[in-house]
Amino acid sequence: MANPSGFILSEFASKIDGSPCVAILTLKSSNPKTGNMAQVWILRQDVNPIDAIATGQDVSICGDCTHRKNSLGQRSCYVNVGQSPNGIWKAYKRGVYPQAFEMIDRVRDALKGRSIRWGAYGDPAIIPLPVFQTINNMAANHTGYTHQWKETFAAVYKKIFQASCDGLQDYLEATAHGWHTFAVAPVGSILPGKLCPATVESSQAQCITCRLCDGAKQNIYVEAHGTGKHYV
C-alpha cells in the first residue's frame, strides 16, 4: 500500500469508564504552534467526537477535565473537534489507517528523527503504557499532557507527561506529588513557571524545537487560547 497518513496505535477500553477508545497516530501537521510533529489522537471508537461532546460521552477520553462542555453549554477546550478530530474519526471508520503493530517497520521509518505530540486531542494517560513505550522509543522526542494526573492509573506517566493544571491550587498539588506541570491561566494572568515559548508573540519557538513539555524538564504555563478562552 501507499505510504499511510497515519496508524492505529491501539484499540482499548478507557481507564476512565471502560468505553471503547482508539489512539491514532497521524504523521503530518500544519499547526503553526507545534510545527510538523507526529500527533496522537485519542477518540471514542463508537461515537463521532462531535456527538461525544454533545452527549457527554467525551468523558471516556477526557475524564473530569474542566475544559469539557459544562451544564451551561460552555466549553473552554481549545480543540475544535469539528475539524481534525472529526476528520480523523471518519477516516478511521472508513478503514484508512492500518494497524501500527502489523507494519511496525513502516512506523519506525515514519518516526525516525521525528517528534511526537501525545494527546493532540484526548488524554494520553489512558493509552496502555507498553504501546506508548514502544512507539515513543522510535521517535527522537515527545511532548505530552494529562489532566488525569490525580488518578492512580496516570502515575506511570509521571516525568513523561506534563500534569495539565487549571490554576494555582492544581499547580501546587501536582508539583507536591512530583509532576512537572502545564498550567492554563486566564487571559492576562500569570502562573508559576515559564511562559510557553511557542505562545510568546516575538518568539519563533515551536513545540517541535522547544521540547520542554516532555514531563521531565520544567513547569510551563500558557494563557487561555482558542475559541473558548474567555470561559477560563
Foldseek 3Di string as FASTA:
>chain_A
DPQAQKAWLDWFAQPQHGATKTKIWGQADPPQFAHGATEIAIGGLPDQPVVCLVVVVCCSFAPVPPQRQDPVRAGQDQDDCVPPVRVVSVCVVVVRHYHCVVPVVSLLVSAAAGEYEYPPDGANLRPPPVSCVVNQVSHPAYAHEHCCLVDPSSVVCALQAAYEAEDDVRVVVQVVVRWAHEYEDQPPDDYPWAEDQSPPPVHSDHCRPPRCGRGNHIHYYYYRDHPRRNVD
